[in-house]
Amino acid sequence: MSRMTILTEAELRAIVKLDLDAVACVENAFRALATLPVTMPPILRLDIPEHRGEVDVKTAYVPGIDGFAIKISPGFFDNPKLGLPSVNGMMVLLSSKTGLVDALLLDNGYLTDIRTAAA
């Protein structure tokens, strides 16, 4: 069994920048979505009303790519009162051949910010 890679937000910020490569990556992803038989289920949303919280889970699979991601994006909107950020999150990268976890990206929404800006 291979080792799982774990990258923190700080490590991801050092590796992934908003640049032309990021823009090209997002363009390729949108092109795949428009032209390939991508599997993208509806967003799973879990509300936690007593704590003003919600968790969204998103995923997609593109045929021919060796892996896929599951994005977990919590938002707990009373957290600032506790000295915590209201949003955080992570992505789990899995092998599309075996289903084994390849990596955990503890990005706290950074990768989503890059994707949004690159689009």
C-alpha atoms as a PDB file:
ATOM      1  CA  MET A   1       0.000   0.000   0.000  1.00  0.00           C
ATOM      2  CA  SER A   2       1.360   3.421  -0.924  1.00  0.00           C
ATOM      3  CA  ARG A   3       1.886   6.239   1.515  1.00  0.00           C
ATOM      4  CA  MET A   4      -0.742   8.930   1.789  1.00  0.00           C
ATOM      5  CA  THR A   5       0.408  12.500   1.184  1.00  0.00           C
ATOM      6  CA  ILE A   6      -0.930  15.177   3.524  1.00  0.00           C
ATOM      7  CA  LEU A   7      -0.510  18.810   2.491  1.00  0.00           C
ATOM      8  CA  THR A   8      -1.394  21.778   4.679  1.00  0.00           C
ATOM      9  CA  GLU A   9      -2.755  25.096   3.471  1.00  0.00           C
ATOM     10  CA  ALA A  10       0.699  26.657   3.848  1.00  0.00           C
ATOM     11  CA  GLU A  11       2.266  23.912   1.718  1.00  0.00           C
ATOM     12  CA  LEU A  12      -0.463  24.244  -0.914  1.00  0.00           C
ATOM     13  CA  ARG A  13       0.011  28.024  -1.030  1.00  0.00           C
ATOM     14  CA  ALA A  14       3.703  27.437  -1.781  1.00  0.00           C
ATOM     15  CA  ILE A  15       2.898  24.931  -4.549  1.00  0.00           C
ATOM     16  CA  VAL A  16      -0.297  26.239  -6.198  1.00  0.00           C
ATOM     17  CA  LYS A  17      -0.351  29.824  -7.430  1.00  0.00           C
ATOM     18  CA  LEU A  18      -2.885  31.862  -9.369  1.00  0.00           C
ATOM     19  CA  ASP A  19      -1.015  31.939 -12.657  1.00  0.00           C
ATOM     20  CA  LEU A  20      -1.445  30.944 -16.301  1.00  0.00           C
ATOM     21  CA  ASP A  21      -1.022  27.266 -15.403  1.00  0.00           C
ATOM     22  CA  ALA A  22      -3.949  27.531 -12.974  1.00  0.00           C
ATOM     23  CA  VAL A  23      -6.077  29.246 -15.635  1.00  0.00           C
ATOM     24  CA  ALA A  24      -5.202  26.518 -18.169  1.00  0.00           C
ATOM     25  CA  CYS A  25      -6.065  23.820 -15.634  1.00  0.00           C
ATOM     26  CA  VAL A  26      -9.493  25.356 -14.983  1.00  0.00           C
ATOM     27  CA  GLU A  27     -10.099  25.779 -18.731  1.00  0.00           C
ATOM     28  CA  ASN A  28      -9.270  22.098 -19.265  1.00  0.00           C
ATOM     29  CA  ALA A  29     -11.628  21.096 -16.461  1.00  0.00           C
ATOM     30  CA  PHE A  30     -14.516  23.089 -17.951  1.00  0.00           C
ATOM     31  CA  ARG A  31     -13.725  21.652 -21.397  1.00  0.00           C
ATOM     32  CA  ALA A  32     -13.847  18.121 -19.952  1.00  0.00           C
ATOM     33  CA  LEU A  33     -17.156  18.900 -18.260  1.00  0.00           C
ATOM     34  CA  ALA A  34     -18.604  20.042 -21.595  1.00  0.00           C
ATOM     35  CA  THR A  35     -17.195  17.300 -23.830  1.00  0.00           C
ATOM     36  CA  LEU A  36     -16.653  14.134 -21.773  1.00  0.00           C
ATOM     37  CA  PRO A  37     -19.073  11.837 -19.943  1.00  0.00           C
ATOM     38  CA  VAL A  38     -18.186  13.315 -16.553  1.00  0.00           C
ATOM     39  CA  THR A  39     -19.940  11.861 -13.521  1.00  0.00           C
ATOM     40  CA  MET A  40     -20.853  14.695 -11.155  1.00  0.00           C
ATOM     41  CA  PRO A  41     -23.517  13.914  -8.564  1.00  0.00           C
ATOM     42  CA  PRO A  42     -25.556  16.667  -6.918  1.00  0.00           C
ATOM     43  CA  ILE A  43     -23.983  18.507  -4.008  1.00  0.00           C
ATOM     44  CA  LEU A  44     -24.621  16.816  -0.681  1.00  0.00           C
ATOM     45  CA  ARG A  45     -25.526  19.422   1.930  1.00  0.00           C
ATOM     46  CA  LEU A  46     -25.792  18.778   5.642  1.00  0.00           C
ATOM     47  CA  ASP A  47     -27.338  21.542   7.753  1.00  0.00           C
ATOM     48  CA  ILE A  48     -26.493  21.843  11.441  1.00  0.00           C
ATOM     49  CA  PRO A  49     -28.888  24.643  12.404  1.00  0.00           C
ATOM     50  CA  GLU A  50     -28.315  24.653  16.159  1.00  0.00           C
ATOM     51  CA  HIS A  51     -24.704  25.743  15.506  1.00  0.00           C
ATOM     52  CA  ARG A  52     -25.415  27.859  12.392  1.00  0.00           C
ATOM     53  CA  GLY A  53     -23.417  25.337  10.433  1.00  0.00           C
ATOM     54  CA  GLU A  54     -23.520  23.566   7.130  1.00  0.00           C
ATOM     55  CA  VAL A  55     -21.285  21.131   5.303  1.00  0.00           C
ATOM     56  CA  ASP A  56     -21.218  20.743   1.530  1.00  0.00           C
ATOM     57  CA  VAL A  57     -19.655  17.683  -0.115  1.00  0.00           C
ATOM     58  CA  LYS A  58     -18.807  17.775  -3.825  1.00  0.00           C
ATOM     59  CA  THR A  59     -17.168  15.286  -6.158  1.00  0.00           C
ATOM     60  CA  ALA A  60     -16.790  14.391  -9.814  1.00  0.00           C
ATOM     61  CA  TYR A  61     -15.116  11.737 -11.914  1.00  0.00           C
ATOM     62  CA  VAL A  62     -13.616  12.345 -15.363  1.00  0.00           C
ATOM     63  CA  PRO A  63     -13.036   9.139 -17.362  1.00  0.00           C
ATOM     64  CA  GLY A  64      -9.387   8.589 -18.206  1.00  0.00           C
ATOM     65  CA  ILE A  65      -8.002  10.391 -15.168  1.00  0.00           C
ATOM     66  CA  ASP A  66      -6.246   8.205 -12.594  1.00  0.00           C
ATOM     67  CA  GLY A  67      -7.875   9.910  -9.626  1.00  0.00           C
ATOM     68  CA  PHE A  68     -10.788  11.933  -8.349  1.00  0.00           C
ATOM     69  CA  ALA A  69     -11.422  14.263  -5.440  1.00  0.00           C
ATOM     70  CA  ILE A  70     -14.045  14.666  -2.769  1.00  0.00           C
ATOM     71  CA  LYS A  71     -14.295  18.216  -1.435  1.00  0.00           C
ATOM     72  CA  ILE A  72     -15.612  18.741   2.085  1.00  0.00           C
ATOM     73  CA  SER A  73     -16.504  22.360   2.781  1.00  0.00           C
ATOM     74  CA  PRO A  74     -17.904  23.253   6.224  1.00  0.00           C
ATOM     75  CA  GLY A  75     -19.216  26.677   7.122  1.00  0.00           C
ATOM     76  CA  PHE A  76     -19.982  27.413  10.774  1.00  0.00           C
ATOM     77  CA  PHE A  77     -21.001  31.029  10.931  1.00  0.00           C
ATOM     78  CA  ASP A  78     -20.783  31.548  14.696  1.00  0.00           C
ATOM     79  CA  ASN A  79     -17.137  30.446  14.723  1.00  0.00           C
ATOM     80  CA  PRO A  80     -15.744  34.012  14.690  1.00  0.00           C
ATOM     81  CA  LYS A  81     -17.306  34.474  18.147  1.00  0.00           C
ATOM     82  CA  LEU A  82     -15.073  31.574  19.228  1.00  0.00           C
ATOM     83  CA  GLY A  83     -11.984  33.005  17.551  1.00  0.00           C
ATOM     84  CA  LEU A  84     -12.227  30.482  14.716  1.00  0.00           C
ATOM     85  CA  PRO A  85     -12.689  30.966  10.969  1.00  0.00           C
ATOM     86  CA  SER A  86     -16.243  30.512   9.728  1.00  0.00           C
ATOM     87  CA  VAL A  87     -15.156  28.388   6.765  1.00  0.00           C
ATOM     88  CA  ASN A  88     -12.533  25.707   6.368  1.00  0.00           C
ATOM     89  CA  GLY A  89     -12.320  22.492   4.463  1.00  0.00           C
ATOM     90  CA  MET A  90     -10.296  19.855   2.773  1.00  0.00           C
ATOM     91  CA  MET A  91     -10.108  17.671  -0.296  1.00  0.00           C
ATOM     92  CA  VAL A  92      -9.547  13.934  -0.327  1.00  0.00           C
ATOM     93  CA  LEU A  93      -7.800  12.617  -3.454  1.00  0.00           C
ATOM     94  CA  LEU A  94      -8.509   8.980  -4.294  1.00  0.00           C
ATOM     95  CA  SER A  95      -7.335   6.535  -6.918  1.00  0.00           C
ATOM     96  CA  SER A  96      -9.996   5.918  -9.549  1.00  0.00           C
ATOM     97  CA  LYS A  97      -8.486   2.439 -10.050  1.00  0.00           C
ATOM     98  CA  THR A  98      -8.479   1.225  -6.431  1.00  0.00           C
ATOM     99  CA  GLY A  99     -10.454   3.757  -4.390  1.00  0.00           C
ATOM    100  CA  LEU A 100      -7.502   4.115  -2.024  1.00  0.00           C
ATOM    101  CA  VAL A 101      -6.810   7.552  -0.572  1.00  0.00           C
ATOM    102  CA  ASP A 102      -3.752   9.105  -2.237  1.00  0.00           C
ATOM    103  CA  ALA A 103      -3.728  12.479  -0.486  1.00  0.00           C
ATOM    104  CA  LEU A 104      -5.423  14.817   1.941  1.00  0.00           C
ATOM    105  CA  LEU A 105      -5.319  18.484   0.989  1.00  0.00           C
ATOM    106  CA  LEU A 106      -5.998  20.545   4.108  1.00  0.00           C
ATOM    107  CA  ASP A 107      -6.547  23.708   2.071  1.00  0.00           C
ATOM    108  CA  ASN A 108      -9.183  25.557   4.160  1.00  0.00           C
ATOM    109  CA  GLY A 109     -10.784  26.778   0.929  1.00  0.00           C
ATOM    110  CA  TYR A 110      -7.564  28.073  -0.671  1.00  0.00           C
ATOM    111  CA  LEU A 111      -7.840  25.791  -3.713  1.00  0.00           C
ATOM    112  CA  THR A 112     -11.453  26.858  -4.226  1.00  0.00           C
ATOM    113  CA  ASP A 113     -10.339  30.498  -4.122  1.00  0.00           C
ATOM    114  CA  ILE A 114      -7.700  29.787  -6.797  1.00  0.00           C
ATOM    115  CA  ARG A 115     -10.206  27.901  -8.972  1.00  0.00           C
ATOM    116  CA  THR A 116     -12.764  30.694  -8.674  1.00  0.00           C
ATOM    117  CA  ALA A 117     -10.230  33.384  -9.521  1.00  0.00           C
ATOM    118  CA  ALA A 118      -8.831  31.370 -12.446  1.00  0.00           C
ATOM    119  CA  ALA A 119     -12.294  30.896 -13.929  1.00  0.00           C
END
